[in-house]
Amino acid sequence: MITNADYIEPSQKGRYSPLQVLKSAAGYYIGTIYTDEYGDKEPGSRDSGYFATQEKAQQFLDTVSSVANPQDYLRDHP
């Protein structure tokens, strides 16, 4: 769930998946999937920079998931 994005209405934050490794044409990144009221899914957020490999992105996610303040390592803007 999104916790680091103040620009998203609190009632909408529950529509975002937990952070996960995702892929775009630019590379792998840490982000969320958004599910709308009809159940359709789309990219929800990009919470990191891009990584060349899925393994590097997963390592970053594992690190962020293990620290006390993960928001210090994640993007907080669209």
N, C-alpha and C. Protein backbone atom coordinates (compact mmCIF):
# COMPACT_ATOMS: atom_id res chain seq x y z
N MET A 1 0.84 -1.18 0.00
CA MET A 1 0.00 0.00 0.00
C MET A 1 0.88 1.24 0.00
N ILE A 2 0.43 2.27 -0.66
CA ILE A 2 1.14 3.54 -0.71
C ILE A 2 1.06 4.21 0.66
N THR A 3 2.19 4.60 1.18
CA THR A 3 2.20 5.35 2.44
C THR A 3 2.98 6.64 2.32
N ASN A 4 3.76 6.79 1.27
CA ASN A 4 4.70 7.90 1.16
C ASN A 4 4.23 8.96 0.17
N ALA A 5 2.98 8.94 -0.25
CA ALA A 5 2.50 9.86 -1.27
C ALA A 5 1.34 10.69 -0.73
N ASP A 6 1.66 11.86 -0.22
CA ASP A 6 0.64 12.72 0.37
C ASP A 6 -0.36 13.25 -0.65
N TYR A 7 -0.03 13.22 -1.93
CA TYR A 7 -0.92 13.74 -2.96
C TYR A 7 -2.06 12.78 -3.29
N ILE A 8 -2.04 11.56 -2.74
CA ILE A 8 -3.10 10.58 -2.98
C ILE A 8 -4.08 10.63 -1.82
N GLU A 9 -5.36 10.71 -2.15
CA GLU A 9 -6.40 10.74 -1.12
C GLU A 9 -6.29 9.49 -0.24
N PRO A 10 -6.40 9.66 1.08
CA PRO A 10 -6.30 8.51 1.98
C PRO A 10 -7.27 7.38 1.62
N SER A 11 -8.46 7.72 1.15
CA SER A 11 -9.44 6.69 0.80
C SER A 11 -9.01 5.87 -0.42
N GLN A 12 -8.09 6.39 -1.22
CA GLN A 12 -7.62 5.69 -2.42
C GLN A 12 -6.37 4.84 -2.17
N LYS A 13 -5.68 5.08 -1.08
CA LYS A 13 -4.41 4.39 -0.83
C LYS A 13 -4.57 2.88 -0.74
N GLY A 14 -5.70 2.41 -0.28
CA GLY A 14 -5.95 0.98 -0.17
C GLY A 14 -6.10 0.29 -1.52
N ARG A 15 -6.22 1.04 -2.59
CA ARG A 15 -6.35 0.46 -3.93
C ARG A 15 -4.99 0.11 -4.53
N TYR A 16 -3.91 0.45 -3.83
CA TYR A 16 -2.56 0.19 -4.32
C TYR A 16 -2.00 -1.07 -3.68
N SER A 17 -1.33 -1.88 -4.47
CA SER A 17 -0.73 -3.12 -3.98
C SER A 17 0.46 -2.81 -3.09
N PRO A 18 0.95 -3.81 -2.37
CA PRO A 18 2.24 -3.65 -1.68
C PRO A 18 3.34 -3.41 -2.72
N LEU A 19 4.44 -2.86 -2.26
CA LEU A 19 5.58 -2.64 -3.15
C LEU A 19 6.05 -3.96 -3.74
N GLN A 20 6.43 -3.91 -5.01
CA GLN A 20 6.92 -5.10 -5.70
C GLN A 20 7.83 -4.68 -6.84
N VAL A 21 8.55 -5.63 -7.39
CA VAL A 21 9.40 -5.37 -8.55
C VAL A 21 8.51 -5.40 -9.79
N LEU A 22 8.59 -4.33 -10.57
CA LEU A 22 7.82 -4.21 -11.80
C LEU A 22 8.78 -3.90 -12.95
N LYS A 23 8.29 -4.05 -14.17
CA LYS A 23 9.14 -3.80 -15.33
C LYS A 23 8.43 -2.89 -16.32
N SER A 24 9.18 -1.96 -16.87
CA SER A 24 8.69 -1.11 -17.96
C SER A 24 9.74 -1.11 -19.06
N ALA A 25 9.48 -0.37 -20.11
CA ALA A 25 10.46 -0.28 -21.20
C ALA A 25 11.77 0.34 -20.72
N ALA A 26 11.72 1.13 -19.66
CA ALA A 26 12.92 1.80 -19.14
C ALA A 26 13.74 0.90 -18.22
N GLY A 27 13.18 -0.20 -17.76
CA GLY A 27 13.90 -1.11 -16.88
C GLY A 27 13.02 -1.57 -15.73
N TYR A 28 13.65 -2.17 -14.75
CA TYR A 28 12.96 -2.68 -13.57
C TYR A 28 12.89 -1.57 -12.52
N TYR A 29 11.83 -1.58 -11.74
CA TYR A 29 11.68 -0.58 -10.69
C TYR A 29 10.81 -1.13 -9.57
N ILE A 30 10.81 -0.43 -8.45
CA ILE A 30 9.95 -0.78 -7.32
C ILE A 30 8.71 0.09 -7.43
N GLY A 31 7.56 -0.53 -7.36
CA GLY A 31 6.33 0.24 -7.49
C GLY A 31 5.13 -0.55 -7.03
N THR A 32 3.97 -0.02 -7.36
CA THR A 32 2.71 -0.64 -6.97
C THR A 32 1.81 -0.79 -8.19
N ILE A 33 0.79 -1.61 -8.03
CA ILE A 33 -0.27 -1.76 -9.01
C ILE A 33 -1.53 -1.15 -8.41
N TYR A 34 -2.23 -0.36 -9.20
CA TYR A 34 -3.48 0.27 -8.78
C TYR A 34 -4.64 -0.55 -9.34
N THR A 35 -5.62 -0.83 -8.49
CA THR A 35 -6.84 -1.52 -8.92
C THR A 35 -8.00 -0.55 -8.79
N ASP A 36 -8.67 -0.26 -9.91
CA ASP A 36 -9.78 0.70 -9.85
C ASP A 36 -11.05 0.02 -9.35
N GLU A 37 -12.12 0.81 -9.28
CA GLU A 37 -13.38 0.31 -8.71
C GLU A 37 -14.01 -0.80 -9.54
N TYR A 38 -13.55 -0.99 -10.79
CA TYR A 38 -14.07 -2.05 -11.65
C TYR A 38 -13.19 -3.30 -11.62
N GLY A 39 -12.09 -3.24 -10.87
CA GLY A 39 -11.18 -4.36 -10.79
C GLY A 39 -10.08 -4.35 -11.84
N ASP A 40 -10.05 -3.30 -12.67
CA ASP A 40 -8.99 -3.18 -13.67
C ASP A 40 -7.69 -2.75 -13.00
N LYS A 41 -6.58 -3.31 -13.45
CA LYS A 41 -5.28 -3.04 -12.85
C LYS A 41 -4.42 -2.25 -13.82
N GLU A 42 -3.60 -1.36 -13.25
CA GLU A 42 -2.66 -0.56 -14.03
C GLU A 42 -1.50 -0.18 -13.12
N PRO A 43 -0.39 0.26 -13.70
CA PRO A 43 0.71 0.71 -12.83
C PRO A 43 0.20 1.81 -11.90
N GLY A 44 0.56 1.69 -10.64
CA GLY A 44 0.07 2.66 -9.66
C GLY A 44 1.09 3.70 -9.27
N SER A 45 2.31 3.26 -9.01
CA SER A 45 3.35 4.20 -8.61
C SER A 45 4.71 3.64 -8.98
N ARG A 46 5.64 4.55 -9.16
CA ARG A 46 7.05 4.15 -9.30
C ARG A 46 7.75 4.77 -8.11
N ASP A 47 8.23 3.92 -7.21
CA ASP A 47 8.77 4.37 -5.94
C ASP A 47 10.29 4.30 -5.87
N SER A 48 10.93 4.01 -6.97
CA SER A 48 12.39 3.95 -7.02
C SER A 48 12.86 4.44 -8.38
N GLY A 49 14.15 4.50 -8.52
CA GLY A 49 14.73 4.70 -9.84
C GLY A 49 14.65 3.39 -10.60
N TYR A 50 15.31 3.35 -11.75
CA TYR A 50 15.30 2.14 -12.57
C TYR A 50 16.56 1.31 -12.32
N PHE A 51 16.40 0.00 -12.48
CA PHE A 51 17.49 -0.95 -12.31
C PHE A 51 17.67 -1.73 -13.61
N ALA A 52 18.90 -2.10 -13.91
CA ALA A 52 19.18 -2.83 -15.15
C ALA A 52 18.67 -4.26 -15.11
N THR A 53 18.60 -4.85 -13.91
CA THR A 53 18.17 -6.24 -13.80
C THR A 53 17.09 -6.40 -12.74
N GLN A 54 16.33 -7.46 -12.87
CA GLN A 54 15.31 -7.79 -11.88
C GLN A 54 15.97 -8.10 -10.54
N GLU A 55 17.12 -8.74 -10.58
CA GLU A 55 17.83 -9.10 -9.35
C GLU A 55 18.23 -7.87 -8.55
N LYS A 56 18.74 -6.84 -9.24
CA LYS A 56 19.14 -5.60 -8.55
C LYS A 56 17.92 -4.91 -7.94
N ALA A 57 16.83 -4.91 -8.67
CA ALA A 57 15.60 -4.31 -8.15
C ALA A 57 15.11 -5.08 -6.92
N GLN A 58 15.17 -6.41 -6.97
CA GLN A 58 14.74 -7.21 -5.83
C GLN A 58 15.64 -6.98 -4.62
N GLN A 59 16.94 -6.86 -4.85
CA GLN A 59 17.87 -6.57 -3.75
C GLN A 59 17.50 -5.24 -3.09
N PHE A 60 17.20 -4.23 -3.90
CA PHE A 60 16.81 -2.93 -3.36
C PHE A 60 15.52 -3.06 -2.55
N LEU A 61 14.53 -3.77 -3.09
CA LEU A 61 13.27 -3.96 -2.37
C LEU A 61 13.50 -4.69 -1.06
N ASP A 62 14.33 -5.72 -1.07
CA ASP A 62 14.63 -6.45 0.16
C ASP A 62 15.27 -5.54 1.19
N THR A 63 16.19 -4.68 0.74
CA THR A 63 16.85 -3.75 1.66
C THR A 63 15.85 -2.75 2.22
N VAL A 64 15.06 -2.15 1.36
CA VAL A 64 14.08 -1.16 1.79
C VAL A 64 13.08 -1.79 2.76
N SER A 65 12.72 -3.03 2.52
CA SER A 65 11.75 -3.72 3.37
C SER A 65 12.31 -4.04 4.75
N SER A 66 13.62 -4.00 4.90
CA SER A 66 14.23 -4.40 6.17
C SER A 66 14.68 -3.23 7.04
N VAL A 67 14.52 -1.99 6.57
CA VAL A 67 14.97 -0.84 7.36
C VAL A 67 13.81 -0.23 8.13
N ALA A 68 14.16 0.54 9.16
CA ALA A 68 13.15 1.14 10.01
C ALA A 68 12.33 2.21 9.29
N ASN A 69 12.95 2.96 8.41
CA ASN A 69 12.27 4.06 7.71
C ASN A 69 12.39 3.89 6.19
N PRO A 70 11.64 2.97 5.61
CA PRO A 70 11.78 2.74 4.17
C PRO A 70 11.47 3.97 3.33
N GLN A 71 10.61 4.86 3.82
CA GLN A 71 10.27 6.05 3.05
C GLN A 71 11.48 6.93 2.78
N ASP A 72 12.55 6.78 3.58
CA ASP A 72 13.77 7.54 3.35
C ASP A 72 14.47 7.12 2.06
N TYR A 73 14.15 5.95 1.54
CA TYR A 73 14.81 5.40 0.36
C TYR A 73 13.92 5.42 -0.89
N LEU A 74 12.66 5.79 -0.71
CA LEU A 74 11.70 5.73 -1.81
C LEU A 74 11.33 7.12 -2.30
N ARG A 75 10.94 7.20 -3.55
CA ARG A 75 10.47 8.47 -4.12
C ARG A 75 9.17 8.87 -3.43
N ASP A 76 8.94 10.16 -3.31
CA ASP A 76 7.69 10.63 -2.70
C ASP A 76 6.94 11.59 -3.62
N HIS A 77 7.18 11.46 -4.92
CA HIS A 77 6.52 12.32 -5.90
C HIS A 77 6.22 11.51 -7.15
N PRO A 78 5.26 11.99 -7.94
CA PRO A 78 4.90 11.24 -9.15
C PRO A 78 6.03 11.17 -10.16
